[in-house]
C-alpha atoms as a PDB file:
ATOM      1  CA  MET A   1     -15.642-118.796 -88.862  1.00  0.00           C
ATOM      2  CA  LYS A   2     -15.743-115.381 -88.965  1.00  0.00           C
ATOM      3  CA  PHE A   3     -18.410-113.003 -86.755  1.00  0.00           C
ATOM      4  CA  ILE A   4     -18.934-109.338 -86.004  1.00  0.00           C
ATOM      5  CA  LEU A   5     -18.139-107.906 -82.686  1.00  0.00           C
ATOM      6  CA  SER A   6     -21.175-106.697 -80.596  1.00  0.00           C
ATOM      7  CA  PRO A   7     -22.078-103.038 -80.448  1.00  0.00           C
ATOM      8  CA  GLU A   8     -20.469-102.853 -76.776  1.00  0.00           C
ATOM      9  CA  ALA A   9     -17.626-104.950 -77.767  1.00  0.00           C
ATOM     10  CA  ALA A  10     -17.069-103.147 -80.775  1.00  0.00           C
ATOM     11  CA  ILE A  11     -17.299 -99.505 -79.040  1.00  0.00           C
ATOM     12  CA  ASP A  12     -14.474-100.849 -75.622  1.00  0.00           C
ATOM     13  CA  ALA A  13     -11.976-102.145 -78.460  1.00  0.00           C
ATOM     14  CA  PHE A  14     -12.197 -98.722 -79.573  1.00  0.00           C
ATOM     15  CA  VAL A  15     -11.886 -96.611 -77.104  1.00  0.00           C
ATOM     16  CA  LYS A  16      -8.796 -99.168 -75.685  1.00  0.00           C
ATOM     17  CA  ALA A  17      -7.004 -99.130 -79.304  1.00  0.00           C
ATOM     18  CA  LYS A  18      -6.812 -94.776 -78.763  1.00  0.00           C
ATOM     19  CA  LYS A  19      -5.870 -95.287 -75.118  1.00  0.00           C
ATOM     20  CA  ASP A  20      -3.334 -97.341 -76.170  1.00  0.00           C
ATOM     21  CA  ASN A  21      -2.200 -95.128 -78.680  1.00  0.00           C
ATOM     22  CA  HIS A  22      -2.689 -98.478 -81.397  1.00  0.00           C
ATOM     23  CA  GLU A  23      -4.420 -98.734 -84.771  1.00  0.00           C
ATOM     24  CA  VAL A  24      -8.068 -99.677 -84.308  1.00  0.00           C
ATOM     25  CA  PRO A  25      -8.464-103.289 -85.586  1.00  0.00           C
ATOM     26  CA  LYS A  26     -10.262-103.987 -88.897  1.00  0.00           C
ATOM     27  CA  GLU A  27     -12.871-105.842 -87.510  1.00  0.00           C
ATOM     28  CA  VAL A  28     -13.631-103.167 -84.701  1.00  0.00           C
ATOM     29  CA  LEU A  29     -14.735-100.675 -87.548  1.00  0.00           C
ATOM     30  CA  LYS A  30     -16.613-103.264 -89.696  1.00  0.00           C
ATOM     31  CA  ALA A  31     -19.071-103.895 -86.486  1.00  0.00           C
ATOM     32  CA  LEU A  32     -18.594 -99.948 -86.480  1.00  0.00           C
ATOM     33  CA  ASN A  33     -20.288 -99.770 -89.699  1.00  0.00           C
ATOM     34  CA  ASN A  34     -22.849-101.926 -88.536  1.00  0.00           C
ATOM     35  CA  TYR A  35     -24.320 -99.252 -86.805  1.00  0.00           C
ATOM     36  CA  LYS A  36     -27.597 -98.794 -88.185  1.00  0.00           C
ATOM     37  CA  ASN A  37     -28.874-102.479 -86.952  1.00  0.00           C
ATOM     38  CA  TRP A  38     -27.751-101.357 -83.595  1.00  0.00           C
ATOM     39  CA  ARG A  39     -30.614-101.509 -80.692  1.00  0.00           C
ATOM     40  CA  PRO A  40     -31.156 -97.876 -79.092  1.00  0.00           C
ATOM     41  CA  ASP A  41     -28.768 -98.317 -75.763  1.00  0.00           C
ATOM     42  CA  SER A  42     -25.729 -99.136 -77.930  1.00  0.00           C
ATOM     43  CA  LEU A  43     -26.252 -96.317 -80.254  1.00  0.00           C
ATOM     44  CA  LYS A  44     -26.060 -94.198 -77.087  1.00  0.00           C
ATOM     45  CA  GLY A  45     -23.556 -95.786 -75.920  1.00  0.00           C
ATOM     46  CA  LEU A  46     -22.015 -95.006 -79.243  1.00  0.00           C
ATOM     47  CA  LEU A  47     -23.135 -90.855 -79.055  1.00  0.00           C
ATOM     48  CA  ASN A  48     -21.142 -91.027 -75.688  1.00  0.00           C
ATOM     49  CA  ALA A  49     -18.008 -92.682 -76.826  1.00  0.00           C
ATOM     50  CA  SER A  50     -17.902 -89.949 -79.828  1.00  0.00           C
ATOM     51  CA  GLY A  51     -17.782 -87.346 -76.523  1.00  0.00           C
ATOM     52  CA  TYR A  52     -14.144 -88.254 -75.526  1.00  0.00           C
ATOM     53  CA  TYR A  53     -13.410 -89.839 -79.015  1.00  0.00           C
ATOM     54  CA  PRO A  54     -14.414 -88.234 -81.923  1.00  0.00           C
ATOM     55  CA  GLU A  55     -13.027 -89.964 -84.254  1.00  0.00           C
ATOM     56  CA  ILE A  56     -15.416 -93.080 -83.606  1.00  0.00           C
ATOM     57  CA  LEU A  57     -17.754 -91.341 -85.680  1.00  0.00           C
ATOM     58  CA  ILE A  58     -16.498 -93.121 -88.652  1.00  0.00           C
ATOM     59  CA  GLU A  59     -19.471 -91.777 -91.292  1.00  0.00           C
ATOM     60  CA  GLU A  60     -20.109 -88.448 -92.516  1.00  0.00           C
ATOM     61  CA  ASP A  61     -23.209 -87.177 -90.446  1.00  0.00           C
ATOM     62  CA  MET A  62     -22.722 -90.016 -88.620  1.00  0.00           C
ATOM     63  CA  GLU A  63     -24.237 -87.920 -85.266  1.00  0.00           C
ATOM     64  CA  LYS A  64     -27.147 -87.225 -87.053  1.00  0.00           C
ATOM     65  CA  LYS A  65     -27.938 -90.395 -88.458  1.00  0.00           C
ATOM     66  CA  ILE A  66     -27.251 -92.079 -84.758  1.00  0.00           C
ATOM     67  CA  LEU A  67     -30.204 -89.145 -83.835  1.00  0.00           C
ATOM     68  CA  ILE A  68     -32.518 -90.144 -86.694  1.00  0.00           C
ATOM     69  CA  LEU A  69     -32.412 -94.012 -85.559  1.00  0.00           C
ATOM     70  CA  LEU A  70     -32.940 -92.852 -82.180  1.00  0.00           C
ATOM     71  CA  ASP A  71     -35.949 -90.825 -82.847  1.00  0.00           C
ATOM     72  CA  ARG A  72     -37.553 -93.550 -84.918  1.00  0.00           C
ATOM     73  CA  PHE A  73     -37.091 -95.891 -81.538  1.00  0.00           C
ATOM     74  CA  LYS A  74     -38.871 -93.352 -79.154  1.00  0.00           C
ATOM     75  CA  LYS A  75     -42.105 -93.004 -81.731  1.00  0.00           C
ATOM     76  CA  THR A  76     -42.042 -96.818 -82.468  1.00  0.00           C
ATOM     77  CA  THR A  77     -42.037 -97.747 -79.074  1.00  0.00           C
ATOM     78  CA  ALA A  78     -44.211 -94.433 -77.567  1.00  0.00           C
ATOM     79  CA  PRO A  79     -47.279 -95.147 -76.561  1.00  0.00           C
ATOM     80  CA  THR A  80     -50.264 -94.904 -78.242  1.00  0.00           C
ATOM     81  CA  ALA A  81     -53.244 -92.877 -77.190  1.00  0.00           C
ATOM     82  CA  LEU A  82     -56.288 -95.417 -75.881  1.00  0.00           C
ATOM     83  CA  ASN A  83     -59.760 -94.530 -77.726  1.00  0.00           C
ATOM     84  CA  TYR A  84     -62.594 -94.617 -75.563  1.00  0.00           C
END
């Protein structure tokens, strides 16, 4: 049975591989490619990790795409004005 790593596990595994100067496992890269389906907290963690390891952003313009996703989340969860 195959499974995809959680976003947090993928970020942690990427950082550990880079710290240990090892190749990033394919399972980690597969999980990172799934970032468009992640929740806001995981996306923020990915952006934070990219400050130390910019190569974690494995897709062209990935930072911009993440910021767009976060903005969409923000808009969908923002409180709406009540009509009185």
